[in-house]
C-alpha atoms as a PDB file:
ATOM      1  CA  MET A   1       8.791  42.542  11.687  1.00  0.00           C
ATOM      2  CA  LYS A   2       7.433  39.020  12.148  1.00  0.00           C
ATOM      3  CA  TYR A   3       7.816  35.901  10.037  1.00  0.00           C
ATOM      4  CA  TYR A   4       4.550  34.269   8.987  1.00  0.00           C
ATOM      5  CA  VAL A   5       5.256  30.552   8.656  1.00  0.00           C
ATOM      6  CA  GLY A   6       2.967  28.486   6.428  1.00  0.00           C
ATOM      7  CA  ILE A   7       3.159  24.733   7.082  1.00  0.00           C
ATOM      8  CA  ASP A   8       1.461  22.329   4.687  1.00  0.00           C
ATOM      9  CA  LEU A   9      -0.669  19.513   6.102  1.00  0.00           C
ATOM     10  CA  HIS A  10      -0.582  16.290   4.012  1.00  0.00           C
ATOM     11  CA  GLY A  11       2.923  14.951   3.551  1.00  0.00           C
ATOM     12  CA  THR A  12       4.387  17.671   5.754  1.00  0.00           C
ATOM     13  CA  LEU A  13       2.818  18.207   9.163  1.00  0.00           C
ATOM     14  CA  LEU A  14       0.983  14.852   8.891  1.00  0.00           C
ATOM     15  CA  ASN A  15       2.781  11.566   8.295  1.00  0.00           C
ATOM     16  CA  ASP A  16       1.755   8.921   5.746  1.00  0.00           C
ATOM     17  CA  GLU A  17      -0.968   7.677   8.093  1.00  0.00           C
ATOM     18  CA  TRP A  18      -2.397  11.219   8.305  1.00  0.00           C
ATOM     19  CA  GLN A  19      -1.239  11.593  11.894  1.00  0.00           C
ATOM     20  CA  ILE A  20       1.119  13.633  14.042  1.00  0.00           C
ATOM     21  CA  ALA A  21       2.658  10.860  16.110  1.00  0.00           C
ATOM     22  CA  GLU A  22       2.420  11.448  19.848  1.00  0.00           C
ATOM     23  CA  LYS A  23       6.116  10.710  20.314  1.00  0.00           C
ATOM     24  CA  VAL A  24       7.169  13.698  18.176  1.00  0.00           C
ATOM     25  CA  ARG A  25       4.629  16.228  19.467  1.00  0.00           C
ATOM     26  CA  PRO A  26       6.838  17.477  22.334  1.00  0.00           C
ATOM     27  CA  GLN A  27       9.657  18.174  19.870  1.00  0.00           C
ATOM     28  CA  LEU A  28       7.280  19.977  17.518  1.00  0.00           C
ATOM     29  CA  ARG A  29       5.931  22.170  20.303  1.00  0.00           C
ATOM     30  CA  GLN A  30       9.436  22.881  21.568  1.00  0.00           C
ATOM     31  CA  GLN A  31      10.554  24.246  18.201  1.00  0.00           C
ATOM     32  CA  LEU A  32       7.349  26.240  17.691  1.00  0.00           C
ATOM     33  CA  ASP A  33       7.727  27.782  21.161  1.00  0.00           C
ATOM     34  CA  ARG A  34      11.375  28.517  20.459  1.00  0.00           C
ATOM     35  CA  LEU A  35      10.348  30.699  17.527  1.00  0.00           C
ATOM     36  CA  ARG A  36       7.174  32.132  19.070  1.00  0.00           C
ATOM     37  CA  LYS A  37       8.537  35.655  19.662  1.00  0.00           C
ATOM     38  CA  HIS A  38       9.606  35.943  16.046  1.00  0.00           C
ATOM     39  CA  CYS A  39       7.000  33.942  14.118  1.00  0.00           C
ATOM     40  CA  LEU A  40       3.297  33.316  13.678  1.00  0.00           C
ATOM     41  CA  PHE A  41       2.332  29.862  12.461  1.00  0.00           C
ATOM     42  CA  TYR A  42      -0.403  28.932   9.983  1.00  0.00           C
ATOM     43  CA  ILE A  43      -1.428  25.512   8.719  1.00  0.00           C
ATOM     44  CA  CYS A  44      -1.703  25.938   4.937  1.00  0.00           C
ATOM     45  CA  THR A  45      -3.762  23.180   3.343  1.00  0.00           C
ATOM     46  CA  GLY A  46      -6.051  22.313   0.489  1.00  0.00           C
ATOM     47  CA  ASN A  47      -8.500  20.984   3.063  1.00  0.00           C
ATOM     48  CA  ASP A  48     -11.326  22.635   4.987  1.00  0.00           C
ATOM     49  CA  LEU A  49     -11.811  23.294   8.699  1.00  0.00           C
ATOM     50  CA  THR A  50     -13.820  20.101   9.232  1.00  0.00           C
ATOM     51  CA  PHE A  51     -10.970  17.979   7.890  1.00  0.00           C
ATOM     52  CA  LEU A  52      -8.403  19.895   9.916  1.00  0.00           C
ATOM     53  CA  LYS A  53     -10.287  19.320  13.159  1.00  0.00           C
ATOM     54  CA  LYS A  54     -10.645  15.610  12.384  1.00  0.00           C
ATOM     55  CA  TYR A  55      -6.973  14.898  11.747  1.00  0.00           C
ATOM     56  CA  VAL A  56      -5.077  17.527  13.767  1.00  0.00           C
ATOM     57  CA  PRO A  57      -5.572  17.069  17.540  1.00  0.00           C
ATOM     58  CA  ASP A  58      -6.935  19.964  19.608  1.00  0.00           C
ATOM     59  CA  GLU A  59      -3.633  20.221  21.454  1.00  0.00           C
ATOM     60  CA  VAL A  60      -1.627  20.651  18.253  1.00  0.00           C
ATOM     61  CA  ARG A  61      -4.077  23.117  16.705  1.00  0.00           C
ATOM     62  CA  SER A  62      -3.706  25.323  19.781  1.00  0.00           C
ATOM     63  CA  TRP A  63      -0.054  25.854  18.842  1.00  0.00           C
ATOM     64  CA  PHE A  64      -1.044  27.607  15.601  1.00  0.00           C
ATOM     65  CA  ASP A  65      -2.262  31.160  15.006  1.00  0.00           C
ATOM     66  CA  GLY A  66      -4.679  30.333  12.204  1.00  0.00           C
ATOM     67  CA  TYR A  67      -5.330  28.367   9.041  1.00  0.00           C
ATOM     68  CA  ILE A  68      -5.024  28.976   5.303  1.00  0.00           C
ATOM     69  CA  LEU A  69      -7.631  26.590   3.884  1.00  0.00           C
ATOM     70  CA  GLU A  70      -8.743  25.371   0.454  1.00  0.00           C
ATOM     71  CA  THR A  71      -5.335  26.116  -1.124  1.00  0.00           C
ATOM     72  CA  GLY A  72      -5.401  29.760  -0.088  1.00  0.00           C
ATOM     73  CA  CYS A  73      -9.017  30.591  -0.910  1.00  0.00           C
ATOM     74  CA  VAL A  74     -10.338  30.488   2.663  1.00  0.00           C
ATOM     75  CA  ILE A  75      -8.942  31.971   5.883  1.00  0.00           C
ATOM     76  CA  GLY A  76      -9.805  29.935   8.967  1.00  0.00           C
ATOM     77  CA  THR A  77      -9.889  30.167  12.741  1.00  0.00           C
ATOM     78  CA  GLU A  78     -11.103  27.576  15.237  1.00  0.00           C
ATOM     79  CA  ASP A  79     -14.649  28.859  14.765  1.00  0.00           C
ATOM     80  CA  SER A  80     -14.900  30.237  11.245  1.00  0.00           C
ATOM     81  CA  GLU A  81     -14.117  29.881   7.555  1.00  0.00           C
ATOM     82  CA  THR A  82     -13.971  33.135   5.585  1.00  0.00           C
ATOM     83  CA  ILE A  83     -13.961  32.934   1.795  1.00  0.00           C
ATOM     84  CA  GLY A  84     -11.209  35.194   0.521  1.00  0.00           C
ATOM     85  CA  ILE A  85     -12.333  35.469  -3.093  1.00  0.00           C
ATOM     86  CA  PRO A  86     -15.417  36.983  -4.778  1.00  0.00           C
ATOM     87  CA  LYS A  87     -18.489  34.993  -3.718  1.00  0.00           C
ATOM     88  CA  ASN A  88     -19.899  35.035  -7.255  1.00  0.00           C
ATOM     89  CA  GLN A  89     -17.188  32.572  -8.304  1.00  0.00           C
ATOM     90  CA  GLU A  90     -18.788  29.928  -6.110  1.00  0.00           C
ATOM     91  CA  THR A  91     -21.563  29.173  -8.615  1.00  0.00           C
ATOM     92  CA  ALA A  92     -19.134  28.418 -11.453  1.00  0.00           C
ATOM     93  CA  ILE A  93     -17.023  26.165  -9.214  1.00  0.00           C
ATOM     94  CA  LYS A  94     -20.094  24.233  -8.025  1.00  0.00           C
ATOM     95  CA  GLU A  95     -21.296  23.779 -11.601  1.00  0.00           C
ATOM     96  CA  LEU A  96     -17.883  22.423 -12.601  1.00  0.00           C
ATOM     97  CA  GLU A  97     -17.872  20.060  -9.625  1.00  0.00           C
ATOM     98  CA  ALA A  98     -21.287  18.687 -10.635  1.00  0.00           C
ATOM     99  CA  LYS A  99     -20.007  18.013 -14.171  1.00  0.00           C
ATOM    100  CA  LEU A 100     -16.900  16.240 -12.899  1.00  0.00           C
ATOM    101  CA  LYS A 101     -18.930  14.039 -10.554  1.00  0.00           C
ATOM    102  CA  LYS A 102     -20.933  12.763 -13.517  1.00  0.00           C
ATOM    103  CA  LEU A 103     -17.731  11.545 -15.227  1.00  0.00           C
ATOM    104  CA  ASN A 104     -17.225   8.891 -12.527  1.00  0.00           C
ATOM    105  CA  TYR A 105     -13.440   8.772 -12.659  1.00  0.00           C
ATOM    106  CA  PRO A 106     -12.367   5.416 -11.148  1.00  0.00           C
ATOM    107  CA  GLN A 107      -9.328   6.997  -9.466  1.00  0.00           C
ATOM    108  CA  ILE A 108     -11.527   9.150  -7.200  1.00  0.00           C
ATOM    109  CA  LYS A 109     -12.336   7.815  -3.744  1.00  0.00           C
ATOM    110  CA  TYR A 110     -14.473  10.825  -2.857  1.00  0.00           C
ATOM    111  CA  PHE A 111     -15.119  14.524  -3.428  1.00  0.00           C
ATOM    112  CA  ALA A 112     -14.317  16.358  -0.195  1.00  0.00           C
ATOM    113  CA  ARG A 113     -16.447  19.134   1.309  1.00  0.00           C
ATOM    114  CA  ARG A 114     -15.341  22.504  -0.049  1.00  0.00           C
ATOM    115  CA  LEU A 115     -16.769  26.045   0.064  1.00  0.00           C
ATOM    116  CA  ILE A 116     -15.136  27.544  -3.025  1.00  0.00           C
ATOM    117  CA  THR A 117     -12.814  24.907  -4.539  1.00  0.00           C
ATOM    118  CA  ILE A 118     -12.983  21.276  -5.713  1.00  0.00           C
ATOM    119  CA  SER A 119     -11.001  18.448  -4.149  1.00  0.00           C
ATOM    120  CA  MET A 120     -10.969  14.914  -5.560  1.00  0.00           C
ATOM    121  CA  PHE A 121      -9.234  12.458  -3.238  1.00  0.00           C
ATOM    122  CA  THR A 122      -7.469   9.490  -4.832  1.00  0.00           C
ATOM    123  CA  ARG A 123      -6.119   8.356  -1.458  1.00  0.00           C
ATOM    124  CA  ASP A 124      -7.294   8.046   2.110  1.00  0.00           C
ATOM    125  CA  GLU A 125      -5.267   7.235   5.224  1.00  0.00           C
ATOM    126  CA  HIS A 126      -5.297   3.529   4.305  1.00  0.00           C
ATOM    127  CA  ASP A 127      -4.655   3.199   0.578  1.00  0.00           C
ATOM    128  CA  GLY A 128      -5.280   4.619  -2.873  1.00  0.00           C
ATOM    129  CA  VAL A 129      -3.445   5.685  -6.004  1.00  0.00           C
ATOM    130  CA  PRO A 130      -1.178   8.695  -6.637  1.00  0.00           C
ATOM    131  CA  PRO A 131      -3.147  11.688  -7.958  1.00  0.00           C
ATOM    132  CA  GLU A 132      -0.771  12.530 -10.842  1.00  0.00           C
ATOM    133  CA  GLU A 133      -2.648  10.478 -13.452  1.00  0.00           C
ATOM    134  CA  LEU A 134      -6.007  11.975 -12.497  1.00  0.00           C
ATOM    135  CA  HIS A 135      -4.446  15.439 -12.580  1.00  0.00           C
ATOM    136  CA  GLU A 136      -3.525  14.985 -16.241  1.00  0.00           C
ATOM    137  CA  ILE A 137      -7.001  13.656 -17.092  1.00  0.00           C
ATOM    138  CA  VAL A 138      -8.865  16.446 -15.289  1.00  0.00           C
ATOM    139  CA  SER A 139      -6.541  19.113 -16.723  1.00  0.00           C
ATOM    140  CA  ALA A 140      -7.379  17.878 -20.224  1.00  0.00           C
ATOM    141  CA  GLU A 141     -11.113  17.891 -19.429  1.00  0.00           C
ATOM    142  CA  VAL A 142     -10.969  21.450 -18.088  1.00  0.00           C
ATOM    143  CA  LEU A 143      -9.069  22.527 -21.211  1.00  0.00           C
ATOM    144  CA  LYS A 144     -11.734  20.875 -23.392  1.00  0.00           C
ATOM    145  CA  MET A 145     -14.436  22.774 -21.472  1.00  0.00           C
ATOM    146  CA  GLY A 146     -12.702  26.045 -22.359  1.00  0.00           C
ATOM    147  CA  ILE A 147     -12.300  27.210 -18.755  1.00  0.00           C
ATOM    148  CA  SER A 148      -8.582  26.579 -18.210  1.00  0.00           C
ATOM    149  CA  GLU A 149      -7.958  30.333 -17.969  1.00  0.00           C
ATOM    150  CA  GLU A 150     -10.470  30.611 -15.130  1.00  0.00           C
ATOM    151  CA  VAL A 151      -9.292  27.796 -12.864  1.00  0.00           C
ATOM    152  CA  LEU A 152      -6.057  26.113 -11.854  1.00  0.00           C
ATOM    153  CA  VAL A 153      -5.907  22.315 -11.678  1.00  0.00           C
ATOM    154  CA  THR A 154      -3.221  21.227  -9.220  1.00  0.00           C
ATOM    155  CA  TYR A 155      -2.579  18.355  -6.823  1.00  0.00           C
ATOM    156  CA  SER A 156      -1.160  17.308  -3.475  1.00  0.00           C
ATOM    157  CA  ASN A 157       0.054  13.820  -2.612  1.00  0.00           C
ATOM    158  CA  VAL A 158      -3.523  12.706  -1.886  1.00  0.00           C
ATOM    159  CA  ALA A 159      -5.911  14.694  -4.109  1.00  0.00           C
ATOM    160  CA  VAL A 160      -6.458  16.738  -7.243  1.00  0.00           C
ATOM    161  CA  ASP A 161      -7.598  20.268  -6.444  1.00  0.00           C
ATOM    162  CA  ILE A 162      -9.283  22.853  -8.638  1.00  0.00           C
ATOM    163  CA  ILE A 163      -9.106  26.466  -7.493  1.00  0.00           C
ATOM    164  CA  PRO A 164      -9.996  29.823  -9.044  1.00  0.00           C
ATOM    165  CA  ARG A 165      -6.980  31.017 -10.999  1.00  0.00           C
ATOM    166  CA  GLY A 166      -4.953  33.726  -9.281  1.00  0.00           C
ATOM    167  CA  TYR A 167      -5.356  32.210  -5.828  1.00  0.00           C
ATOM    168  CA  ASN A 168      -3.020  29.791  -4.067  1.00  0.00           C
ATOM    169  CA  LYS A 169      -1.482  29.090  -0.665  1.00  0.00           C
ATOM    170  CA  MET A 170       0.885  32.025  -1.089  1.00  0.00           C
ATOM    171  CA  THR A 171      -1.885  34.535  -1.748  1.00  0.00           C
ATOM    172  CA  GLY A 172      -3.659  33.214   1.350  1.00  0.00           C
ATOM    173  CA  LEU A 173      -0.519  33.498   3.465  1.00  0.00           C
ATOM    174  CA  GLN A 174       0.109  37.024   2.168  1.00  0.00           C
ATOM    175  CA  ASP A 175      -3.438  38.004   3.115  1.00  0.00           C
ATOM    176  CA  VAL A 176      -2.544  37.464   6.764  1.00  0.00           C
ATOM    177  CA  ALA A 177       1.158  38.370   6.616  1.00  0.00           C
ATOM    178  CA  LEU A 178       0.658  41.730   4.887  1.00  0.00           C
ATOM    179  CA  GLU A 179       4.110  43.396   4.804  1.00  0.00           C
ATOM    180  CA  ASN A 180       5.752  40.827   7.072  1.00  0.00           C
ATOM    181  CA  ARG A 181       8.163  38.192   5.820  1.00  0.00           C
ATOM    182  CA  THR A 182       6.994  34.694   4.941  1.00  0.00           C
ATOM    183  CA  VAL A 183       8.302  31.149   5.317  1.00  0.00           C
ATOM    184  CA  GLY A 184       6.929  28.154   3.400  1.00  0.00           C
ATOM    185  CA  ILE A 185       7.284  24.515   4.531  1.00  0.00           C
ATOM    186  CA  ALA A 186       5.636  22.043   2.158  1.00  0.00           C
ATOM    187  CA  ASP A 187       6.000  18.995  -0.093  1.00  0.00           C
ATOM    188  CA  SER A 188       3.594  18.932  -3.065  1.00  0.00           C
ATOM    189  CA  MET A 189       2.800  20.611  -6.365  1.00  0.00           C
ATOM    190  CA  ASN A 190      -0.112  22.580  -4.911  1.00  0.00           C
ATOM    191  CA  ASP A 191       2.500  24.212  -2.638  1.00  0.00           C
ATOM    192  CA  TRP A 192       4.632  25.528  -5.509  1.00  0.00           C
ATOM    193  CA  HIS A 193       3.623  29.179  -5.225  1.00  0.00           C
ATOM    194  CA  MET A 194       4.183  29.249  -1.480  1.00  0.00           C
ATOM    195  CA  LEU A 195       7.610  27.680  -1.787  1.00  0.00           C
ATOM    196  CA  PHE A 196       8.679  29.797  -4.744  1.00  0.00           C
ATOM    197  CA  ASP A 197       7.482  33.165  -3.424  1.00  0.00           C
ATOM    198  CA  SER A 198       8.159  32.916   0.326  1.00  0.00           C
ATOM    199  CA  ASP A 199      11.175  34.692   1.734  1.00  0.00           C
ATOM    200  CA  TYR A 200      12.451  31.350   3.006  1.00  0.00           C
ATOM    201  CA  SER A 201      11.485  28.004   1.531  1.00  0.00           C
ATOM    202  CA  PHE A 202      11.768  24.491   3.005  1.00  0.00           C
ATOM    203  CA  MET A 203      10.707  20.905   2.220  1.00  0.00           C
ATOM    204  CA  PRO A 204      10.710  17.605   4.135  1.00  0.00           C
ATOM    205  CA  ALA A 205      12.682  14.694   2.663  1.00  0.00           C
ATOM    206  CA  ASN A 206       9.560  13.190   1.052  1.00  0.00           C
ATOM    207  CA  ALA A 207       8.901  16.270  -1.101  1.00  0.00           C
ATOM    208  CA  SER A 208       7.709  15.550  -4.634  1.00  0.00           C
ATOM    209  CA  LYS A 209      10.566  15.099  -7.103  1.00  0.00           C
ATOM    210  CA  ARG A 210       8.564  17.017  -9.681  1.00  0.00           C
ATOM    211  CA  LEU A 211       8.139  19.884  -7.227  1.00  0.00           C
ATOM    212  CA  GLN A 212      11.881  19.962  -6.642  1.00  0.00           C
ATOM    213  CA  ASP A 213      12.550  19.973 -10.388  1.00  0.00           C
ATOM    214  CA  VAL A 214      10.034  22.759 -11.069  1.00  0.00           C
ATOM    215  CA  LEU A 215      11.439  24.903  -8.259  1.00  0.00           C
ATOM    216  CA  SER A 216      14.984  24.454  -9.575  1.00  0.00           C
ATOM    217  CA  SER A 217      14.038  25.173 -13.191  1.00  0.00           C
ATOM    218  CA  SER A 218      12.151  28.279 -12.041  1.00  0.00           C
ATOM    219  CA  GLY A 219      15.207  29.694 -10.293  1.00  0.00           C
ATOM    220  CA  ARG A 220      14.732  28.544  -6.708  1.00  0.00           C
ATOM    221  CA  ARG A 221      17.680  26.192  -6.287  1.00  0.00           C
ATOM    222  CA  VAL A 222      17.056  23.103  -4.147  1.00  0.00           C
ATOM    223  CA  LYS A 223      19.761  22.620  -1.509  1.00  0.00           C
ATOM    224  CA  HIS A 224      20.294  20.197   1.342  1.00  0.00           C
ATOM    225  CA  LEU A 225      19.285  21.639   4.702  1.00  0.00           C
ATOM    226  CA  ASP A 226      22.605  22.069   6.466  1.00  0.00           C
ATOM    227  CA  PRO A 227      22.662  23.848   9.859  1.00  0.00           C
ATOM    228  CA  GLU A 228      26.201  24.985   9.108  1.00  0.00           C
ATOM    229  CA  LEU A 229      25.173  26.982   6.046  1.00  0.00           C
ATOM    230  CA  LYS A 230      23.679  30.456   6.119  1.00  0.00           C
ATOM    231  CA  LEU A 231      20.139  30.368   4.754  1.00  0.00           C
ATOM    232  CA  LYS A 232      19.566  32.314   1.538  1.00  0.00           C
ATOM    233  CA  ARG A 233      16.319  33.505   0.010  1.00  0.00           C
ATOM    234  CA  ASP A 234      17.070  32.229  -3.500  1.00  0.00           C
ATOM    235  CA  ALA A 235      17.166  28.576  -2.390  1.00  0.00           C
ATOM    236  CA  ALA A 236      14.657  25.940  -1.301  1.00  0.00           C
ATOM    237  CA  TYR A 237      16.108  23.765   1.455  1.00  0.00           C
ATOM    238  CA  ILE A 238      15.230  20.101   1.821  1.00  0.00           C
ATOM    239  CA  SER A 239      15.582  18.199   5.090  1.00  0.00           C
ATOM    240  CA  ASP A 240      16.869  14.624   5.217  1.00  0.00           C
ATOM    241  CA  LYS A 241      13.905  13.779   7.480  1.00  0.00           C
ATOM    242  CA  PRO A 242      10.336  13.207   6.207  1.00  0.00           C
ATOM    243  CA  ASN A 243       6.969  14.611   7.254  1.00  0.00           C
ATOM    244  CA  THR A 244       6.595  15.851  10.850  1.00  0.00           C
ATOM    245  CA  GLU A 245      10.214  15.031  11.703  1.00  0.00           C
ATOM    246  CA  GLY A 246      11.273  17.128   8.727  1.00  0.00           C
ATOM    247  CA  VAL A 247       9.193  20.063   9.980  1.00  0.00           C
ATOM    248  CA  ILE A 248      10.850  19.799  13.405  1.00  0.00           C
ATOM    249  CA  ASP A 249      14.280  19.722  11.741  1.00  0.00           C
ATOM    250  CA  ILE A 250      13.435  22.747   9.575  1.00  0.00           C
ATOM    251  CA  LEU A 251      12.108  24.793  12.477  1.00  0.00           C
ATOM    252  CA  GLY A 252      15.245  24.035  14.465  1.00  0.00           C
ATOM    253  CA  VAL A 253      17.534  25.201  11.668  1.00  0.00           C
ATOM    254  CA  PHE A 254      15.439  28.324  11.114  1.00  0.00           C
ATOM    255  CA  ALA A 255      15.644  29.094  14.837  1.00  0.00           C
ATOM    256  CA  GLU A 256      19.436  28.836  14.625  1.00  0.00           C
ATOM    257  CA  HIS A 257      19.343  31.152  11.615  1.00  0.00           C
ATOM    258  CA  LEU A 258      17.449  33.747  13.666  1.00  0.00           C
ATOM    259  CA  GLY A 259      19.760  33.251  16.607  1.00  0.00           C
ATOM    260  CA  VAL A 260      17.135  31.993  19.071  1.00  0.00           C
END
């Protein structure tokens, strides 16, 4: 049995400048290779394949087995994006996106390209505002429209995302993992399902405080990532290192846990 490892992009694999610094890439590859016989690795993101190819270098992408895109609604390879939900939902999502664009929210820098979801960026790699305020505003608008049971409004540390309800990063990861075990490494509210439902759950040091609180109140206790402790499935472990360095730290501890 393999472990399917889902690694979030913004705030996790990428640093605050939306990069994977060259100086840490050898360490990242070393830990991925260390686990290669036991794990398959997927980048799990709210973004699409175009965005992924822009911000994740070819070399780094080659270390991964595939991509879970658009918050679990699209399965990606280097050459394709496959929508994993009924195609007839696309029309309703596009109609909602058109309505939201007309509202001209000042917090939005841009609407990103999406096949089956909506993504409203409040930040880019240079500046911007946190997406929490916009999330509350858009959630209220969706409720007023009477479609809150059909879509989920969530957010990362850079954007507010709207996805068909019932789909998330965990459902996308399960689509590829099947009966295999899963590992989630992530930092934001749109990662909640993946962190709560994976067999093993991890966060970098910069993980959202609200995410940590929601995980704890839901029964997934947040604990400090300590190599001396045996990993348990009812906890979510947080590294004392942020972003890419946190991922490297997490992979190293998980390798020790597996005895490799």
